[in-house]
């Protein structure tokens, strides 16, 4: 039987897991058989036309390599079939909204997403999302399109509602499949900047712990260092600046699990500043003095969301094969709260424990 790995993203969460992966291993006694016929026999509801389209798009691999429709499956081969989980384009209601477009050509669209904006419609937020705005933008660009024949939306990753920064989208099916593979193969370069509670002990390090849904609080995720639950996840971090009670860090993702940075940093004792989902909206480090409490409350007012920004994104262009790299400065709310902590730290000189 096929080994199916269902990847179901939460519309408000950061996750590159936007695809369904079906793994099929050919039995020892498998006679040579064209891959389209083989898959029609193994996947319920599959048609030759759909399979051939997926083969041409590079969504089907055999032992890690894309193959042509006339490829013959033999005993021992491992076939992986990828399929996107996005809703049909007719589910999207185009809405006018300001978009901060960092880069665009015929194949890709790179947007600087503000904090507070959900990426994709879902339960509870059918409208008012980034994708609704992109749909309207595409209609303005292409008046011949209608709401009912908009191209499919090429989301290949997401960032949380309250995380700011760079989000990459594909404008064509070809670009979508190419970029999706890069995310699956962890070759996309991503750097985040976060302000976290506490004085991070090491100047740099790597956090390796599975990330999965919490068995106690279903809306939260947890780190499972023994790997008994969740999905494998790796985050590299580097200290950028220290303010004693909080630390500015850079995080580099190898994997893209839901809430990965937020969960991993909490796992090592450094919850993201102002992260109300994981307890960072309380004073976790510092003194008991009223003045300090007022100072931190003022910081929360400046940045009333997790202090996390998707600063850089690097990828191979799906058509030109050119390596592309983009960087987006920190938004005003994070800049303001970092400056406030910096001035506080400098003014204190040496903060008493």
Protein backbone atom coordinates (compact mmCIF):
# COMPACT_ATOMS: atom_id res chain seq x y z
CA UNK A 1 0.00 0.00 0.00
CA UNK A 2 1.18 3.56 -0.66
CA UNK A 3 2.63 5.39 2.30
CA UNK A 4 0.74 8.67 2.33
CA UNK A 5 2.03 11.73 4.14
CA UNK A 6 -0.74 14.27 4.45
CA UNK A 7 0.46 17.82 4.96
CA UNK A 8 -2.37 20.05 6.10
CA UNK A 9 -1.36 23.68 6.72
CA UNK A 10 -3.08 26.08 9.08
CA UNK A 11 -3.90 29.25 7.19
CA UNK A 12 -2.51 31.44 9.99
CA UNK A 13 0.73 29.54 10.54
CA UNK A 14 4.19 29.70 9.13
CA UNK A 15 4.83 26.48 7.26
CA UNK A 16 6.33 25.34 4.00
CA UNK A 17 4.25 22.19 4.22
CA UNK A 18 1.76 23.08 1.51
CA UNK A 19 1.84 19.83 -0.39
CA UNK A 20 0.59 16.29 -0.12
CA UNK A 21 3.20 13.61 -0.72
CA UNK A 22 2.39 10.05 -1.71
CA UNK A 23 5.22 7.50 -1.47
CA UNK A 24 4.82 4.20 -3.35
CA UNK A 25 7.41 1.40 -3.39
CA UNK A 26 7.31 -1.11 -6.20
CA UNK A 27 7.08 -4.69 -4.93
CA UNK A 28 9.87 -7.22 -5.45
CA UNK A 29 7.82 -9.07 -8.05
CA UNK A 30 6.92 -5.96 -10.07
CA UNK A 31 7.21 -6.55 -13.81
CA UNK A 32 8.40 -3.56 -15.89
CA UNK A 33 5.38 -1.29 -16.44
CA UNK A 34 4.93 2.25 -17.78
CA UNK A 35 4.73 4.66 -14.87
CA UNK A 36 1.36 6.12 -15.91
CA UNK A 37 -0.22 2.65 -15.98
CA UNK A 38 1.51 1.71 -12.73
CA UNK A 39 0.15 4.76 -10.92
CA UNK A 40 -3.34 4.35 -12.35
CA UNK A 41 -3.38 0.91 -10.74
CA UNK A 42 -2.13 2.21 -7.40
CA UNK A 43 -3.89 5.56 -6.93
CA UNK A 44 -7.64 5.63 -6.62
CA UNK A 45 -9.30 8.04 -9.07
CA UNK A 46 -6.11 8.74 -11.01
CA UNK A 47 -6.40 9.22 -14.77
CA UNK A 48 -3.69 8.92 -17.39
CA UNK A 49 -4.12 12.56 -18.35
CA UNK A 50 -3.64 13.81 -14.77
CA UNK A 51 -0.64 11.56 -14.25
CA UNK A 52 1.00 12.69 -17.47
CA UNK A 53 0.43 16.33 -16.57
CA UNK A 54 2.10 15.71 -13.21
CA UNK A 55 5.00 13.95 -14.92
CA UNK A 56 5.54 16.87 -17.31
CA UNK A 57 5.40 19.30 -14.36
CA UNK A 58 8.08 17.30 -12.52
CA UNK A 59 5.75 16.38 -9.66
CA UNK A 60 6.50 12.67 -9.90
CA UNK A 61 9.95 11.28 -9.15
CA UNK A 62 11.45 7.80 -9.20
CA UNK A 63 14.33 7.29 -6.77
CA UNK A 64 14.61 11.06 -6.52
CA UNK A 65 14.69 11.78 -10.26
CA UNK A 66 12.00 13.24 -12.52
CA UNK A 67 10.99 10.82 -15.27
CA UNK A 68 9.09 10.84 -18.59
CA UNK A 69 5.68 9.21 -19.14
CA UNK A 70 7.25 6.24 -20.94
CA UNK A 71 9.49 5.39 -17.97
CA UNK A 72 9.04 1.81 -16.82
CA UNK A 73 8.72 1.07 -13.14
CA UNK A 74 10.63 -1.97 -11.92
CA UNK A 75 10.96 -3.86 -8.65
CA UNK A 76 12.45 -1.76 -5.85
CA UNK A 77 11.73 1.65 -7.33
CA UNK A 78 10.44 4.33 -4.96
CA UNK A 79 7.92 6.65 -6.56
CA UNK A 80 6.97 9.96 -4.94
CA UNK A 81 3.94 11.90 -6.14
CA UNK A 82 3.50 15.51 -5.03
CA UNK A 83 0.17 17.31 -5.26
CA UNK A 84 -0.68 20.83 -4.18
CA UNK A 85 -3.22 21.41 -1.46
CA UNK A 86 -4.43 24.85 -2.57
CA UNK A 87 -8.13 25.58 -3.07
CA UNK A 88 -9.48 26.32 -6.52
CA UNK A 89 -9.00 29.87 -7.74
CA UNK A 90 -12.78 30.41 -7.76
CA UNK A 91 -12.67 30.22 -3.94
CA UNK A 92 -10.72 33.49 -3.89
CA UNK A 93 -12.59 36.80 -3.71
CA UNK A 94 -10.44 39.58 -5.22
CA UNK A 95 -10.15 42.60 -2.91
CA UNK A 96 -8.22 45.85 -3.38
CA UNK A 97 -5.45 46.33 -0.85
CA UNK A 98 -2.01 47.94 -0.81
CA UNK A 99 0.75 45.47 -1.69
CA UNK A 100 4.43 46.05 -0.98
CA UNK A 101 5.87 44.25 -4.02
CA UNK A 102 9.62 43.73 -3.72
CA UNK A 103 10.12 41.95 -7.04
CA UNK A 104 7.92 40.74 -9.88
CA UNK A 105 8.31 39.25 -13.33
CA UNK A 106 6.23 36.93 -15.49
CA UNK A 107 6.94 33.95 -13.23
CA UNK A 108 7.32 35.03 -9.60
CA UNK A 109 5.98 37.61 -7.19
CA UNK A 110 7.84 38.56 -4.01
CA UNK A 111 5.87 40.52 -1.41
CA UNK A 112 6.85 42.18 1.85
CA UNK A 113 3.98 41.11 4.11
CA UNK A 114 3.09 43.37 7.04
CA UNK A 115 2.38 41.96 10.48
CA UNK A 116 -1.31 41.37 11.12
CA UNK A 117 -2.14 40.14 7.62
CA UNK A 118 -3.21 36.51 7.10
CA UNK A 119 -1.66 34.96 3.99
CA UNK A 120 -4.45 32.74 2.68
CA UNK A 121 -8.24 32.50 3.14
CA UNK A 122 -9.45 29.80 5.48
CA UNK A 123 -12.00 29.09 8.14
CA UNK A 124 -12.72 32.29 10.01
CA UNK A 125 -11.08 34.56 7.43
CA UNK A 126 -12.48 34.03 3.91
CA UNK A 127 -11.52 37.57 2.92
CA UNK A 128 -9.03 40.26 3.85
CA UNK A 129 -5.98 38.08 3.24
CA UNK A 130 -2.87 38.67 1.17
CA UNK A 131 -4.08 36.26 -1.50
CA UNK A 132 -7.33 38.22 -1.86
CA UNK A 133 -5.23 41.32 -2.50
CA UNK A 134 -2.99 39.52 -4.99
CA UNK A 135 -6.09 38.28 -6.87
CA UNK A 136 -7.29 41.86 -7.27
CA UNK A 137 -3.83 42.97 -8.34
CA UNK A 138 -3.69 40.29 -11.04
CA UNK A 139 -7.13 41.29 -12.33
CA UNK A 140 -5.96 44.89 -12.58
CA UNK A 141 -2.92 43.74 -14.54
CA UNK A 142 -4.97 41.47 -16.81
CA UNK A 143 -8.42 42.96 -17.51
CA UNK A 144 -9.31 39.99 -19.72
CA UNK A 145 -9.33 37.73 -16.69
CA UNK A 146 -12.44 37.24 -14.60
CA UNK A 147 -12.97 36.08 -11.05
CA UNK A 148 -13.76 32.66 -12.49
CA UNK A 149 -10.65 32.12 -14.59
CA UNK A 150 -7.94 33.56 -12.40
CA UNK A 151 -4.73 31.53 -12.52
CA UNK A 152 -4.13 29.23 -9.60
CA UNK A 153 -2.30 30.90 -6.76
CA UNK A 154 1.25 29.74 -6.33
CA UNK A 155 1.84 29.77 -2.59
CA UNK A 156 4.95 27.73 -1.86
CA UNK A 157 5.34 28.78 1.77
CA UNK A 158 3.62 30.90 4.39
CA UNK A 159 4.51 33.13 7.26
CA UNK A 160 2.39 33.71 10.34
CA UNK A 161 -0.27 36.39 10.49
CA UNK A 162 1.80 38.35 13.02
CA UNK A 163 5.18 37.76 11.40
CA UNK A 164 6.36 40.36 8.90
CA UNK A 165 8.64 39.96 5.91
CA UNK A 166 9.29 38.31 2.58
CA UNK A 167 6.79 35.92 1.02
CA UNK A 168 7.38 34.26 -2.35
CA UNK A 169 4.59 33.33 -4.77
CA UNK A 170 4.59 31.69 -8.20
CA UNK A 171 2.57 33.13 -11.08
CA UNK A 172 2.67 30.06 -13.33
CA UNK A 173 2.31 26.32 -12.83
CA UNK A 174 5.86 25.80 -14.04
CA UNK A 175 7.22 28.24 -11.48
CA UNK A 176 5.02 26.74 -8.79
CA UNK A 177 6.39 23.23 -9.21
CA UNK A 178 10.00 24.43 -9.50
CA UNK A 179 9.82 26.53 -6.33
CA UNK A 180 7.89 23.87 -4.44
CA UNK A 181 10.72 21.43 -5.09
CA UNK A 182 13.26 23.93 -3.77
CA UNK A 183 11.31 24.24 -0.53
CA UNK A 184 10.94 20.47 -0.29
CA UNK A 185 14.68 20.02 -0.85
CA UNK A 186 15.50 22.77 1.71
CA UNK A 187 17.56 24.73 -0.84
CA UNK A 188 15.67 27.99 -0.29
CA UNK A 189 17.79 30.37 1.79
CA UNK A 190 15.82 32.10 4.54
CA UNK A 191 16.98 34.29 7.40
CA UNK A 192 14.75 35.70 10.11
CA UNK A 193 15.48 38.30 12.77
CA UNK A 194 13.89 37.84 16.19
CA UNK A 195 13.99 39.59 19.54
CA UNK A 196 13.87 36.94 22.27
CA UNK A 197 13.64 36.96 26.04
CA UNK A 198 16.80 36.32 28.04
CA UNK A 199 20.53 36.56 27.45
CA UNK A 200 21.29 33.79 24.94
CA UNK A 201 24.32 31.99 26.30
CA UNK A 202 26.04 30.89 23.10
CA UNK A 203 26.95 33.32 20.32
CA UNK A 204 25.61 30.80 17.82
CA UNK A 205 24.13 27.34 17.80
CA UNK A 206 21.80 24.83 16.18
CA UNK A 207 18.46 23.63 17.53
CA UNK A 208 17.41 20.21 16.29
CA UNK A 209 14.10 18.95 17.65
CA UNK A 210 10.93 17.63 16.09
CA UNK A 211 8.07 20.13 15.98
CA UNK A 212 4.51 18.90 16.36
CA UNK A 213 1.12 19.89 17.66
CA UNK A 214 0.90 20.04 21.43
CA UNK A 215 -1.06 17.13 22.93
CA UNK A 216 -2.32 19.47 25.66
CA UNK A 217 -3.06 22.69 23.76
CA UNK A 218 -4.16 21.92 20.21
CA UNK A 219 -3.58 25.46 18.92
CA UNK A 220 0.05 25.37 20.00
CA UNK A 221 3.08 23.43 18.82
CA UNK A 222 5.88 21.95 20.89
CA UNK A 223 9.45 20.76 20.46
CA UNK A 224 10.07 17.03 20.84
CA UNK A 225 13.86 16.58 21.12
CA UNK A 226 13.63 12.78 21.20
CA UNK A 227 11.75 12.75 17.91
CA UNK A 228 8.87 10.72 19.27
CA UNK A 229 6.30 13.11 17.79
CA UNK A 230 6.03 15.78 15.11
CA UNK A 231 8.34 16.42 12.16
CA UNK A 232 12.09 16.79 11.98
CA UNK A 233 13.14 20.45 12.26
CA UNK A 234 16.45 22.32 12.33
CA UNK A 235 17.03 25.99 13.17
CA UNK A 236 20.44 27.69 13.23
CA UNK A 237 20.76 30.86 15.28
CA UNK A 238 23.35 33.60 15.74
CA UNK A 239 23.38 36.42 18.27
CA UNK A 240 23.31 39.87 16.66
CA UNK A 241 23.10 42.08 19.75
CA UNK A 242 22.62 41.62 23.49
CA UNK A 243 20.51 43.76 25.80
CA UNK A 244 20.90 41.57 28.90
CA UNK A 245 17.21 40.83 29.46
CA UNK A 246 16.49 40.32 25.75
CA UNK A 247 18.67 39.30 22.81
CA UNK A 248 18.48 40.08 19.10
CA UNK A 249 19.14 36.93 17.06
CA UNK A 250 19.25 35.82 13.45
CA UNK A 251 17.62 32.47 12.68
CA UNK A 252 18.31 30.42 9.57
CA UNK A 253 15.78 27.74 8.70
CA UNK A 254 16.74 24.38 7.24
CA UNK A 255 13.17 23.14 7.50
CA UNK A 256 9.87 25.00 7.51
CA UNK A 257 7.64 23.58 10.21
CA UNK A 258 4.67 25.41 11.66
CA UNK A 259 5.83 27.96 14.27
CA UNK A 260 9.34 26.48 14.01
CA UNK A 261 11.35 29.49 15.19
CA UNK A 262 8.87 30.35 17.92
CA UNK A 263 8.80 26.78 19.21
CA UNK A 264 12.56 26.14 18.92
CA UNK A 265 13.55 29.37 20.67
CA UNK A 266 11.10 28.67 23.49
CA UNK A 267 12.52 25.15 23.72
CA UNK A 268 15.99 26.53 24.58
CA UNK A 269 14.51 28.99 27.07
CA UNK A 270 14.25 32.10 24.90
CA UNK A 271 10.63 32.75 24.00
CA UNK A 272 10.07 35.42 21.36
CA UNK A 273 9.39 38.86 22.77
CA UNK A 274 5.66 39.78 22.78
CA UNK A 275 4.62 36.36 21.44
CA UNK A 276 1.18 36.04 23.06
CA UNK A 277 0.76 32.50 21.71
CA UNK A 278 3.72 31.14 23.68
CA UNK A 279 3.84 33.40 26.74
CA UNK A 280 6.24 36.04 25.43
CA UNK A 281 3.75 38.81 26.16
CA UNK A 282 4.66 38.59 29.85
CA UNK A 283 7.82 39.72 31.62
CA UNK A 284 10.03 36.63 31.50
CA UNK A 285 13.35 38.25 32.49
CA UNK A 286 14.27 41.29 34.51
CA UNK A 287 13.65 43.06 37.79
CA UNK A 288 10.55 43.40 39.93
CA UNK A 289 10.68 47.19 40.02
CA UNK A 290 7.65 49.19 38.86
CA UNK A 291 9.74 51.33 36.52
CA UNK A 292 11.02 48.24 34.72
CA UNK A 293 7.50 46.85 34.40
CA UNK A 294 6.35 50.14 32.89
CA UNK A 295 9.31 50.11 30.50
CA UNK A 296 8.43 46.61 29.26
CA UNK A 297 4.73 47.50 28.92
CA UNK A 298 5.80 50.45 26.76
CA UNK A 299 7.85 48.04 24.64
CA UNK A 300 4.83 45.76 24.22
CA UNK A 301 2.82 48.79 23.09
CA UNK A 302 5.44 49.59 20.44
CA UNK A 303 5.49 46.02 19.10
CA UNK A 304 2.26 44.24 20.09
CA UNK A 305 3.09 41.01 18.21
CA UNK A 306 5.87 38.44 18.18
CA UNK A 307 9.07 40.26 17.27
CA UNK A 308 9.87 38.14 14.21
CA UNK A 309 10.70 39.30 10.69
CA UNK A 310 11.46 37.27 7.56
CA UNK A 311 14.40 39.40 6.46
CA UNK A 312 16.07 37.54 3.59
CA UNK A 313 15.04 35.07 0.92
CA UNK A 314 17.23 33.37 -1.67
CA UNK A 315 16.10 31.00 -4.41
CA UNK A 316 16.85 29.82 -7.93
CA UNK A 317 14.62 31.49 -10.50
CA UNK A 318 12.32 28.80 -11.94
CA UNK A 319 12.88 29.83 -15.57
CA UNK A 320 16.26 31.58 -15.85
CA UNK A 321 17.96 29.34 -13.23
CA UNK A 322 19.61 32.49 -11.91
CA UNK A 323 20.30 32.59 -8.17
CA UNK A 324 18.27 35.45 -6.67
CA UNK A 325 18.62 37.01 -3.23
CA UNK A 326 16.47 39.62 -1.52
CA UNK A 327 16.66 41.41 1.81
CA UNK A 328 13.97 43.43 3.54
CA UNK A 329 14.80 45.83 6.41
CA UNK A 330 13.10 45.46 9.77
CA UNK A 331 9.67 47.14 9.98
CA UNK A 332 9.15 50.24 12.15
CA UNK A 333 7.58 48.41 15.11
CA UNK A 334 10.55 46.07 15.53
CA UNK A 335 13.06 48.86 14.91
CA UNK A 336 11.37 50.98 17.57
CA UNK A 337 11.32 48.28 20.24
CA UNK A 338 14.94 47.26 19.54
CA UNK A 339 16.07 50.90 19.78
CA UNK A 340 14.21 51.26 23.06
CA UNK A 341 15.93 48.20 24.55
CA UNK A 342 19.29 49.40 23.25
CA UNK A 343 18.91 52.81 24.90
CA UNK A 344 17.75 51.17 28.14
CA UNK A 345 20.73 48.84 28.19
CA UNK A 346 23.22 51.60 27.38
CA UNK A 347 21.73 53.91 30.00
CA UNK A 348 21.95 51.27 32.70
CA UNK A 349 25.56 50.47 31.83
CA UNK A 350 25.52 47.38 33.97
CA UNK A 351 22.15 45.96 34.87
CA UNK A 352 21.96 44.31 38.26
CA UNK A 353 20.83 40.72 38.28
